[in-house]
Amino acid sequence: MTFKHCLLIGAVTLLCLGSAQAQSAKEAIESANAEFVKAYNSKDAAGVASHYADDAAAFPPDMARVDGRQNIQKLWQGAIDMGISELALTTREIQESGDFAFESGTFSLKAPGKDSKLVDATGKYVVVWKKGQDRSWKLYRDIWNSDPGK
């Protein structure tokens, strides 16, 4: 094998490893979102909160910022207790930059209406994910809001 062949094989290997790493962040985040939704729809606020970094912050609509995993767990428990159910997330975009990734998407859910009957609600979100010391992706900043009513 010539030196040129070795360089070519090395370059191809690096390109493949680079794209596998970029793709793995997307796959890891999509997998974490699926687990998040499963936990929420199972009324498991602790399971939902486990996807957040210890120093995470959530920015729910019409509420104050919520800091820390324990407080975020209380936030999600409150939503569960209110009867908000059937959460679904649709990722629209994921961009990775070092130990951070940026995701945007949409959500749908059922929420109690004025007469306590469940109504459909939709909205959008932006999440900043942070890679932990264990190299897993955790929600670091989470903001969402509802679409206007129909």
C-alpha atoms as a PDB file:
ATOM      1  CA  MET A   1       0.000   0.000   0.000  1.00  0.00           C
ATOM      2  CA  THR A   2       1.425   3.363  -0.979  1.00  0.00           C
ATOM      3  CA  PHE A   3       1.596   6.455   1.177  1.00  0.00           C
ATOM      4  CA  LYS A   4      -1.150   8.081  -0.951  1.00  0.00           C
ATOM      5  CA  HIS A   5      -3.452   5.117  -0.331  1.00  0.00           C
ATOM      6  CA  CYS A   6      -2.857   5.392   3.422  1.00  0.00           C
ATOM      7  CA  LEU A   7      -3.663   9.108   3.333  1.00  0.00           C
ATOM      8  CA  LEU A   8      -6.819   8.474   1.332  1.00  0.00           C
ATOM      9  CA  ILE A   9      -8.005   5.745   3.693  1.00  0.00           C
ATOM     10  CA  GLY A  10      -7.240   7.993   6.679  1.00  0.00           C
ATOM     11  CA  ALA A  11      -9.170  10.917   5.176  1.00  0.00           C
ATOM     12  CA  VAL A  12     -12.191   8.721   4.359  1.00  0.00           C
ATOM     13  CA  THR A  13     -12.119   7.260   7.876  1.00  0.00           C
ATOM     14  CA  LEU A  14     -12.075  10.730   9.443  1.00  0.00           C
ATOM     15  CA  LEU A  15     -14.960  11.873   7.236  1.00  0.00           C
ATOM     16  CA  CYS A  16     -17.013   8.825   8.198  1.00  0.00           C
ATOM     17  CA  LEU A  17     -16.276   9.301  11.887  1.00  0.00           C
ATOM     18  CA  GLY A  18     -17.187  12.989  11.660  1.00  0.00           C
ATOM     19  CA  SER A  19     -20.556  12.295  10.051  1.00  0.00           C
ATOM     20  CA  ALA A  20     -21.282   9.472  12.482  1.00  0.00           C
ATOM     21  CA  GLN A  21     -20.690  11.827  15.415  1.00  0.00           C
ATOM     22  CA  ALA A  22     -22.931  14.556  13.936  1.00  0.00           C
ATOM     23  CA  GLN A  23     -25.632  12.006  13.210  1.00  0.00           C
ATOM     24  CA  SER A  24     -25.292  10.446  16.655  1.00  0.00           C
ATOM     25  CA  ALA A  25     -26.220  13.753  18.351  1.00  0.00           C
ATOM     26  CA  LYS A  26     -29.388  13.926  16.247  1.00  0.00           C
ATOM     27  CA  GLU A  27     -30.218  10.298  16.976  1.00  0.00           C
ATOM     28  CA  ALA A  28     -29.482  10.706  20.694  1.00  0.00           C
ATOM     29  CA  ILE A  29     -31.696  13.791  20.953  1.00  0.00           C
ATOM     30  CA  GLU A  30     -34.540  12.186  19.016  1.00  0.00           C
ATOM     31  CA  SER A  31     -34.264   9.134  21.282  1.00  0.00           C
ATOM     32  CA  ALA A  32     -34.250  11.337  24.398  1.00  0.00           C
ATOM     33  CA  ASN A  33     -37.342  13.140  23.087  1.00  0.00           C
ATOM     34  CA  ALA A  34     -39.124   9.811  22.610  1.00  0.00           C
ATOM     35  CA  GLU A  35     -38.257   8.833  26.204  1.00  0.00           C
ATOM     36  CA  PHE A  36     -39.354  12.288  27.442  1.00  0.00           C
ATOM     37  CA  VAL A  37     -42.745  11.927  25.732  1.00  0.00           C
ATOM     38  CA  LYS A  38     -43.167   8.367  27.001  1.00  0.00           C
ATOM     39  CA  ALA A  39     -42.392   9.457  30.572  1.00  0.00           C
ATOM     40  CA  TYR A  40     -44.747  12.440  30.367  1.00  0.00           C
ATOM     41  CA  ASN A  41     -47.607  10.444  28.887  1.00  0.00           C
ATOM     42  CA  SER A  42     -47.044   7.832  31.637  1.00  0.00           C
ATOM     43  CA  LYS A  43     -47.439  10.651  34.207  1.00  0.00           C
ATOM     44  CA  ASP A  44     -43.834  10.185  35.360  1.00  0.00           C
ATOM     45  CA  ALA A  45     -42.570  13.686  36.176  1.00  0.00           C
ATOM     46  CA  ALA A  46     -39.335  12.298  37.646  1.00  0.00           C
ATOM     47  CA  GLY A  47     -38.695  10.469  34.378  1.00  0.00           C
ATOM     48  CA  VAL A  48     -39.309  13.675  32.431  1.00  0.00           C
ATOM     49  CA  ALA A  49     -36.990  15.648  34.708  1.00  0.00           C
ATOM     50  CA  SER A  50     -34.236  13.037  34.343  1.00  0.00           C
ATOM     51  CA  HIS A  51     -33.674  14.333  30.800  1.00  0.00           C
ATOM     52  CA  TYR A  52     -32.651  17.762  32.118  1.00  0.00           C
ATOM     53  CA  ALA A  53     -29.157  18.784  33.243  1.00  0.00           C
ATOM     54  CA  ASP A  54     -28.796  19.577  36.948  1.00  0.00           C
ATOM     55  CA  ASP A  55     -28.321  23.262  36.058  1.00  0.00           C
ATOM     56  CA  ALA A  56     -31.112  23.367  33.475  1.00  0.00           C
ATOM     57  CA  ALA A  57     -33.669  26.154  33.145  1.00  0.00           C
ATOM     58  CA  ALA A  58     -37.172  26.002  31.698  1.00  0.00           C
ATOM     59  CA  PHE A  59     -39.056  28.997  30.360  1.00  0.00           C
ATOM     60  CA  PRO A  60     -42.746  27.997  30.368  1.00  0.00           C
ATOM     61  CA  PRO A  61     -45.316  30.348  28.830  1.00  0.00           C
ATOM     62  CA  ASP A  62     -46.810  32.978  31.137  1.00  0.00           C
ATOM     63  CA  MET A  63     -44.692  31.796  34.065  1.00  0.00           C
ATOM     64  CA  ALA A  64     -41.405  32.690  35.726  1.00  0.00           C
ATOM     65  CA  ARG A  65     -38.198  30.914  34.747  1.00  0.00           C
ATOM     66  CA  VAL A  66     -37.795  27.552  36.510  1.00  0.00           C
ATOM     67  CA  ASP A  67     -34.236  26.631  37.531  1.00  0.00           C
ATOM     68  CA  GLY A  68     -32.813  23.226  38.404  1.00  0.00           C
ATOM     69  CA  ARG A  69     -33.913  19.677  37.753  1.00  0.00           C
ATOM     70  CA  GLN A  70     -35.928  19.343  40.992  1.00  0.00           C
ATOM     71  CA  ASN A  71     -37.975  22.463  40.294  1.00  0.00           C
ATOM     72  CA  ILE A  72     -38.468  21.415  36.675  1.00  0.00           C
ATOM     73  CA  GLN A  73     -39.825  18.090  37.949  1.00  0.00           C
ATOM     74  CA  LYS A  74     -42.363  20.043  40.036  1.00  0.00           C
ATOM     75  CA  LEU A  75     -43.302  22.090  36.964  1.00  0.00           C
ATOM     76  CA  TRP A  76     -44.029  18.946  34.934  1.00  0.00           C
ATOM     77  CA  GLN A  77     -45.862  17.323  37.853  1.00  0.00           C
ATOM     78  CA  GLY A  78     -48.092  20.398  37.952  1.00  0.00           C
ATOM     79  CA  ALA A  79     -48.860  20.041  34.241  1.00  0.00           C
ATOM     80  CA  ILE A  80     -49.690  16.358  34.730  1.00  0.00           C
ATOM     81  CA  ASP A  81     -51.881  17.186  37.737  1.00  0.00           C
ATOM     82  CA  MET A  82     -53.742  19.812  35.665  1.00  0.00           C
ATOM     83  CA  GLY A  83     -54.745  17.081  33.224  1.00  0.00           C
ATOM     84  CA  ILE A  84     -52.497  18.053  30.329  1.00  0.00           C
ATOM     85  CA  SER A  85     -52.017  14.821  28.387  1.00  0.00           C
ATOM     86  CA  GLU A  86     -51.195  13.159  25.070  1.00  0.00           C
ATOM     87  CA  LEU A  87     -47.993  15.115  24.516  1.00  0.00           C
ATOM     88  CA  ALA A  88     -46.348  14.682  21.108  1.00  0.00           C
ATOM     89  CA  LEU A  89     -43.143  16.339  19.894  1.00  0.00           C
ATOM     90  CA  THR A  90     -42.025  16.845  16.303  1.00  0.00           C
ATOM     91  CA  THR A  91     -38.399  17.834  15.823  1.00  0.00           C
ATOM     92  CA  ARG A  92     -37.933  20.234  12.915  1.00  0.00           C
ATOM     93  CA  GLU A  93     -34.212  20.963  13.202  1.00  0.00           C
ATOM     94  CA  ILE A  94     -31.158  19.932  15.215  1.00  0.00           C
ATOM     95  CA  GLN A  95     -27.794  21.690  14.886  1.00  0.00           C
ATOM     96  CA  GLU A  96     -24.765  20.585  16.882  1.00  0.00           C
ATOM     97  CA  SER A  97     -21.942  22.897  17.992  1.00  0.00           C
ATOM     98  CA  GLY A  98     -19.330  21.331  20.261  1.00  0.00           C
ATOM     99  CA  ASP A  99     -20.885  20.308  23.568  1.00  0.00           C
ATOM    100  CA  PHE A 100     -24.173  22.025  22.701  1.00  0.00           C
ATOM    101  CA  ALA A 101     -26.963  21.264  20.277  1.00  0.00           C
ATOM    102  CA  PHE A 102     -29.907  23.430  19.305  1.00  0.00           C
ATOM    103  CA  GLU A 103     -33.281  21.930  18.538  1.00  0.00           C
ATOM    104  CA  SER A 104     -36.508  23.491  17.349  1.00  0.00           C
ATOM    105  CA  GLY A 105     -39.825  21.809  16.811  1.00  0.00           C
ATOM    106  CA  THR A 106     -43.520  21.714  17.448  1.00  0.00           C
ATOM    107  CA  PHE A 107     -45.717  20.039  20.020  1.00  0.00           C
ATOM    108  CA  SER A 108     -49.306  18.968  20.390  1.00  0.00           C
ATOM    109  CA  LEU A 109     -51.220  17.946  23.488  1.00  0.00           C
ATOM    110  CA  LYS A 110     -54.636  17.741  25.086  1.00  0.00           C
ATOM    111  CA  ALA A 111     -55.485  20.319  27.758  1.00  0.00           C
ATOM    112  CA  PRO A 112     -58.589  20.878  29.869  1.00  0.00           C
ATOM    113  CA  GLY A 113     -60.819  23.542  28.300  1.00  0.00           C
ATOM    114  CA  LYS A 114     -63.244  25.953  29.951  1.00  0.00           C
ATOM    115  CA  ASP A 115     -65.806  23.215  30.574  1.00  0.00           C
ATOM    116  CA  SER A 116     -63.087  20.728  31.659  1.00  0.00           C
ATOM    117  CA  LYS A 117     -63.372  18.824  28.373  1.00  0.00           C
ATOM    118  CA  LEU A 118     -60.035  18.113  26.744  1.00  0.00           C
ATOM    119  CA  VAL A 119     -59.167  20.339  23.798  1.00  0.00           C
ATOM    120  CA  ASP A 120     -56.330  20.103  21.271  1.00  0.00           C
ATOM    121  CA  ALA A 121     -53.463  22.533  21.730  1.00  0.00           C
ATOM    122  CA  THR A 122     -50.331  23.082  19.635  1.00  0.00           C
ATOM    123  CA  GLY A 123     -47.205  25.157  19.924  1.00  0.00           C
ATOM    124  CA  LYS A 124     -43.504  25.425  19.216  1.00  0.00           C
ATOM    125  CA  TYR A 125     -40.309  25.051  21.212  1.00  0.00           C
ATOM    126  CA  VAL A 126     -36.578  25.682  21.198  1.00  0.00           C
ATOM    127  CA  VAL A 127     -34.214  23.586  23.300  1.00  0.00           C
ATOM    128  CA  VAL A 128     -30.518  23.982  23.956  1.00  0.00           C
ATOM    129  CA  TRP A 129     -29.040  20.582  24.753  1.00  0.00           C
ATOM    130  CA  LYS A 130     -25.765  20.174  26.641  1.00  0.00           C
ATOM    131  CA  LYS A 131     -23.463  17.178  26.479  1.00  0.00           C
ATOM    132  CA  GLY A 132     -22.732  15.965  29.990  1.00  0.00           C
ATOM    133  CA  GLN A 133     -19.478  14.586  31.372  1.00  0.00           C
ATOM    134  CA  ASP A 134     -20.850  11.127  30.584  1.00  0.00           C
ATOM    135  CA  ARG A 135     -21.254  12.378  26.950  1.00  0.00           C
ATOM    136  CA  SER A 136     -25.063  12.007  27.077  1.00  0.00           C
ATOM    137  CA  TRP A 137     -27.268  14.866  25.884  1.00  0.00           C
ATOM    138  CA  LYS A 138     -29.399  16.669  28.498  1.00  0.00           C
ATOM    139  CA  LEU A 139     -31.874  19.518  28.139  1.00  0.00           C
ATOM    140  CA  TYR A 140     -30.093  22.677  29.300  1.00  0.00           C
ATOM    141  CA  ARG A 141     -32.488  25.470  28.256  1.00  0.00           C
ATOM    142  CA  ASP A 142     -36.101  24.740  27.328  1.00  0.00           C
ATOM    143  CA  ILE A 143     -38.595  27.334  26.089  1.00  0.00           C
ATOM    144  CA  TRP A 144     -42.004  26.791  24.516  1.00  0.00           C
ATOM    145  CA  ASN A 145     -45.233  28.623  23.829  1.00  0.00           C
ATOM    146  CA  SER A 146     -48.646  27.894  22.435  1.00  0.00           C
ATOM    147  CA  ASP A 147     -49.927  28.705  19.010  1.00  0.00           C
ATOM    148  CA  PRO A 148     -52.856  31.145  18.895  1.00  0.00           C
ATOM    149  CA  GLY A 149     -56.261  29.538  19.491  1.00  0.00           C
ATOM    150  CA  LYS A 150     -58.433  28.815  16.506  1.00  0.00           C
END
